Protein backbone atom coordinates (compact mmCIF):
# COMPACT_ATOMS: atom_id res chain seq x y z
CA UNK A 1 5.46 -2.99 -29.12
CA UNK A 2 2.31 -2.19 -27.17
CA UNK A 3 2.07 -3.74 -23.76
CA UNK A 4 0.08 -3.34 -20.61
CA UNK A 5 0.41 -4.41 -16.96
CA UNK A 6 -2.31 -5.09 -14.44
CA UNK A 7 -2.30 -5.87 -10.78
CA UNK A 8 -4.46 -8.78 -9.63
CA UNK A 9 -6.16 -6.51 -7.06
CA UNK A 10 -6.73 -3.70 -9.53
CA UNK A 11 -9.86 -1.53 -9.65
CA UNK A 12 -10.42 1.06 -12.37
CA UNK A 13 -10.61 4.73 -11.52
CA UNK A 14 -8.69 4.68 -8.12
CA UNK A 15 -5.96 7.15 -7.44
CA UNK A 16 -2.33 6.80 -6.50
CA UNK A 17 -1.09 6.78 -2.92
CA UNK A 18 2.27 7.11 -1.31
CA UNK A 19 3.40 4.85 1.58
CA UNK A 20 1.55 5.23 4.89
CA UNK A 21 3.93 6.76 7.42
CA UNK A 22 5.98 8.39 4.75
CA UNK A 23 3.64 10.86 3.18
CA UNK A 24 2.17 14.08 4.38
CA UNK A 25 -1.53 13.73 5.35
CA UNK A 26 -4.13 14.98 2.85
CA UNK A 27 -1.88 15.14 -0.18
CA UNK A 28 -3.85 12.59 -2.20
CA UNK A 29 -6.76 10.36 -2.07
CA UNK A 30 -5.38 6.97 -1.00
CA UNK A 31 -7.28 3.72 -1.57
CA UNK A 32 -7.05 1.13 1.27
CA UNK A 33 -7.90 -2.42 0.31
CA UNK A 34 -9.01 -4.73 3.20
CA UNK A 35 -9.20 -8.40 2.36
CA UNK A 36 -11.83 -11.04 2.79
CA UNK A 37 -10.74 -11.95 6.40
CA UNK A 38 -11.23 -8.25 7.45
CA UNK A 39 -14.96 -8.25 6.70
CA UNK A 40 -17.05 -7.67 9.81
CA UNK A 41 -18.93 -10.62 11.13
CA UNK A 42 -22.37 -11.22 9.38
CA UNK A 43 -21.46 -9.22 6.28
CA UNK A 44 -21.64 -11.15 3.01
CA UNK A 45 -18.49 -11.27 0.89
CA UNK A 46 -19.22 -9.28 -2.19
CA UNK A 47 -17.86 -10.20 -5.67
CA UNK A 48 -17.97 -6.50 -6.57
CA UNK A 49 -16.69 -5.22 -3.31
CA UNK A 50 -17.84 -2.45 -1.07
CA UNK A 51 -16.60 1.21 -1.44
CA UNK A 52 -16.65 3.80 1.34
CA UNK A 53 -15.03 7.21 1.74
CA UNK A 54 -13.99 8.37 5.14
CA UNK A 55 -12.56 11.70 6.36
CA UNK A 56 -10.12 11.74 9.28
CA UNK A 57 -8.27 14.23 11.48
CA UNK A 58 -4.83 13.46 12.82
CA UNK A 59 -3.29 13.94 16.23
CA UNK A 60 0.12 15.43 16.35
CA UNK A 61 1.70 11.97 16.53
CA UNK A 62 0.23 11.02 13.20
CA UNK A 63 -2.44 8.70 14.47
CA UNK A 64 -6.15 9.50 13.81
CA UNK A 65 -7.97 11.45 16.34
CA UNK A 66 -11.40 11.31 14.58
CA UNK A 67 -13.07 9.65 11.62
CA UNK A 68 -16.37 10.10 9.89
CA UNK A 69 -17.96 8.44 6.85
CA UNK A 70 -18.19 10.94 3.98
CA UNK A 71 -19.73 8.49 1.57
CA UNK A 72 -21.33 5.32 2.70
CA UNK A 73 -20.76 1.88 1.25
CA UNK A 74 -24.46 1.08 1.77
CA UNK A 75 -23.53 -1.41 4.50
CA UNK A 76 -23.30 0.31 8.00
CA UNK A 77 -20.96 -2.52 9.40
CA UNK A 78 -18.57 -1.93 6.43
CA UNK A 79 -18.64 1.86 7.11
CA UNK A 80 -17.96 1.27 10.83
CA UNK A 81 -15.12 -1.14 10.10
CA UNK A 82 -13.43 1.35 7.75
CA UNK A 83 -13.35 3.99 10.50
CA UNK A 84 -12.25 1.42 13.05
CA UNK A 85 -9.14 0.59 10.91
CA UNK A 86 -8.42 4.36 10.52
CA UNK A 87 -8.70 4.98 14.28
CA UNK A 88 -6.76 1.98 15.38
CA UNK A 89 -4.07 1.57 12.64
CA UNK A 90 -3.60 4.66 10.50
CA UNK A 91 -0.12 6.13 10.74
CA UNK A 92 0.70 9.29 8.67
CA UNK A 93 3.24 12.00 8.83
CA UNK A 94 1.19 15.18 9.60
CA UNK A 95 2.19 18.58 8.40
CA UNK A 96 1.77 21.65 10.64
CA UNK A 97 -1.09 23.09 8.66
CA UNK A 98 -2.84 20.03 7.38
CA UNK A 99 -4.06 17.54 9.90
CA UNK A 100 -7.13 16.44 7.83
CA UNK A 101 -7.51 14.04 4.92
CA UNK A 102 -9.59 11.40 3.18
CA UNK A 103 -9.27 7.69 2.50
CA UNK A 104 -11.20 5.57 0.05
CA UNK A 105 -11.88 1.99 1.25
CA UNK A 106 -12.29 -0.76 -1.40
CA UNK A 107 -13.42 -3.96 0.38
CA UNK A 108 -12.36 -6.59 -2.12
CA UNK A 109 -14.04 -9.61 -0.59
CA UNK A 110 -14.13 -12.71 -2.85
CA UNK A 111 -11.42 -11.34 -5.17
CA UNK A 112 -8.93 -11.29 -2.30
CA UNK A 113 -9.84 -14.54 -0.64
CA UNK A 114 -7.16 -16.49 -2.55
CA UNK A 115 -4.40 -14.38 -1.14
CA UNK A 116 -5.01 -15.93 2.28
CA UNK A 117 -4.18 -12.78 4.37
CA UNK A 118 -5.54 -13.25 7.94
CA UNK A 119 -7.61 -10.46 9.70
CA UNK A 120 -5.37 -7.77 11.02
CA UNK A 121 -2.64 -8.32 8.38
CA UNK A 122 -1.12 -5.26 6.71
CA UNK A 123 -3.47 -3.57 4.28
CA UNK A 124 -2.26 -2.41 0.84
CA UNK A 125 -2.80 1.19 -0.28
CA UNK A 126 -3.68 1.68 -3.98
CA UNK A 127 -1.90 -1.50 -5.06
CA UNK A 128 -3.38 -1.12 -8.56
CA UNK A 129 -1.21 1.90 -9.11
CA UNK A 130 2.18 0.46 -8.00
CA UNK A 131 2.91 -0.80 -11.51
CA UNK A 132 2.91 0.99 -14.89
CA UNK A 133 3.75 -0.01 -18.49
CA UNK A 134 7.27 1.32 -17.97
CA UNK A 135 7.95 -1.43 -15.42
CA UNK A 136 7.70 -4.29 -17.83
CA UNK A 137 11.21 -5.75 -17.96
CA UNK A 138 12.89 -5.45 -21.41
CA UNK A 139 14.04 -9.15 -21.31
CA UNK A 140 10.44 -10.21 -20.67
CA UNK A 141 9.15 -7.95 -23.49
CA UNK A 142 11.72 -9.37 -25.97
CA UNK A 143 10.50 -12.96 -25.40
CA UNK A 144 6.82 -11.96 -24.73
CA UNK A 145 6.85 -13.50 -21.34
CA UNK A 146 3.80 -13.17 -19.17
CA UNK A 147 2.53 -14.66 -15.97
CA UNK A 148 1.25 -14.13 -12.40
CA UNK A 149 3.83 -13.60 -9.58
CA UNK A 150 2.82 -14.36 -6.03
CA UNK A 151 4.90 -12.56 -3.42
CA UNK A 152 5.13 -12.33 0.31
CA UNK A 153 6.15 -8.95 1.78
CA UNK A 154 7.29 -8.35 5.34
CA UNK A 155 5.86 -4.99 6.60
CA UNK A 156 7.18 -2.93 9.49
CA UNK A 157 4.98 -1.47 12.27
CA UNK A 158 5.18 1.92 10.48
CA UNK A 159 3.95 0.50 7.17
CA UNK A 160 7.24 0.31 5.25
CA UNK A 161 8.33 -2.83 3.22
CA UNK A 162 11.19 -4.70 4.93
CA UNK A 163 11.51 -7.54 2.46
CA UNK A 164 9.88 -9.33 -0.44
CA UNK A 165 9.91 -12.99 -1.36
CA UNK A 166 8.50 -14.76 -4.40
CA UNK A 167 6.19 -17.58 -3.35
CA UNK A 168 4.61 -18.34 -6.73
CA UNK A 169 6.84 -17.91 -9.74
CA UNK A 170 5.73 -16.74 -13.24
CA UNK A 171 8.51 -18.87 -14.66
CA UNK A 172 10.23 -15.75 -15.78
CA UNK A 173 13.16 -14.57 -13.78
CA UNK A 174 12.75 -10.99 -15.11
CA UNK A 175 9.19 -10.72 -14.03
CA UNK A 176 9.78 -12.34 -10.65
CA UNK A 177 12.61 -9.89 -10.04
CA UNK A 178 10.69 -6.89 -11.10
CA UNK A 179 7.73 -7.81 -8.96
CA UNK A 180 9.81 -7.59 -5.76
CA UNK A 181 11.50 -4.48 -6.96
CA UNK A 182 8.15 -2.79 -7.39
CA UNK A 183 6.79 -3.98 -4.06
CA UNK A 184 9.87 -2.96 -2.09
CA UNK A 185 10.25 0.44 -3.69
CA UNK A 186 6.56 1.47 -4.07
CA UNK A 187 4.54 -0.74 -1.77
CA UNK A 188 2.27 1.22 0.60
CA UNK A 189 0.60 -0.32 3.61
CA UNK A 190 -1.38 0.33 6.73
CA UNK A 191 0.51 -1.73 9.31
CA UNK A 192 -0.71 -4.96 10.89
CA UNK A 193 -2.81 -4.72 13.97
CA UNK A 194 -1.51 -6.10 17.30
CA UNK A 195 -5.10 -6.78 18.48
CA UNK A 196 -4.92 -4.10 21.07
CA UNK A 197 -5.32 -0.92 19.04
CA UNK A 198 -1.60 -0.69 18.18
CA UNK A 199 0.75 -1.80 15.37
CA UNK A 200 3.21 -4.55 14.74
CA UNK A 201 5.34 -5.99 11.98
CA UNK A 202 3.33 -8.28 9.68
CA UNK A 203 3.26 -10.22 6.43
CA UNK A 204 1.15 -9.43 3.40
CA UNK A 205 0.53 -11.97 0.51
CA UNK A 206 -0.23 -10.47 -2.93
CA UNK A 207 0.12 -11.10 -6.55
CA UNK A 208 0.98 -9.07 -9.69
CA UNK A 209 -0.20 -10.32 -13.08
CA UNK A 210 1.90 -9.25 -15.96
CA UNK A 211 0.13 -9.33 -19.31
CA UNK A 212 0.93 -8.15 -22.86
CA UNK A 213 -1.57 -6.57 -25.16
CA UNK A 214 -2.41 -8.73 -28.28
């Protein structure tokens, strides 16, 4: 039986990332996804979103020591906000010989408004790549169950997932359970901001939409 899975915040053509704080810097191009509340003041929320590519250097403690825009979003305030997130909140595990890397920023705007995440909340990294076809639960496949699962994940100050709670059920126990399994084992985040250039524990609200090909 052919089936497919998609994440509600998915965007085609973006690459897989590993959890911030747990992966060596520069090993892959990670895609950071700020939400609507993170938009700089005066920038119109875009239905299509803004895309920027930044390059960073890390200090020995894993925080960013520098950031520059390698490919502009076309909106200077979005570019500046992308580097500000990197400088204030990025936490990676640097290797001795690799203290440089790149991050793609996908500012989702209107598509992320319904999640209701406040400014400074944890930011997901490449959420569209957390789920694959192999993750579809066998029980849900057998009964052709589909649906959207809303979840709330508690994220530590180093970007790891501490817990996951279902806040909006798909009416399928199998899909609900698998959603939190995926989030807790593969969820990757830039940690929440404490408002003073540091990190804190935080909560991220997201959704995974499970669909079957016709």
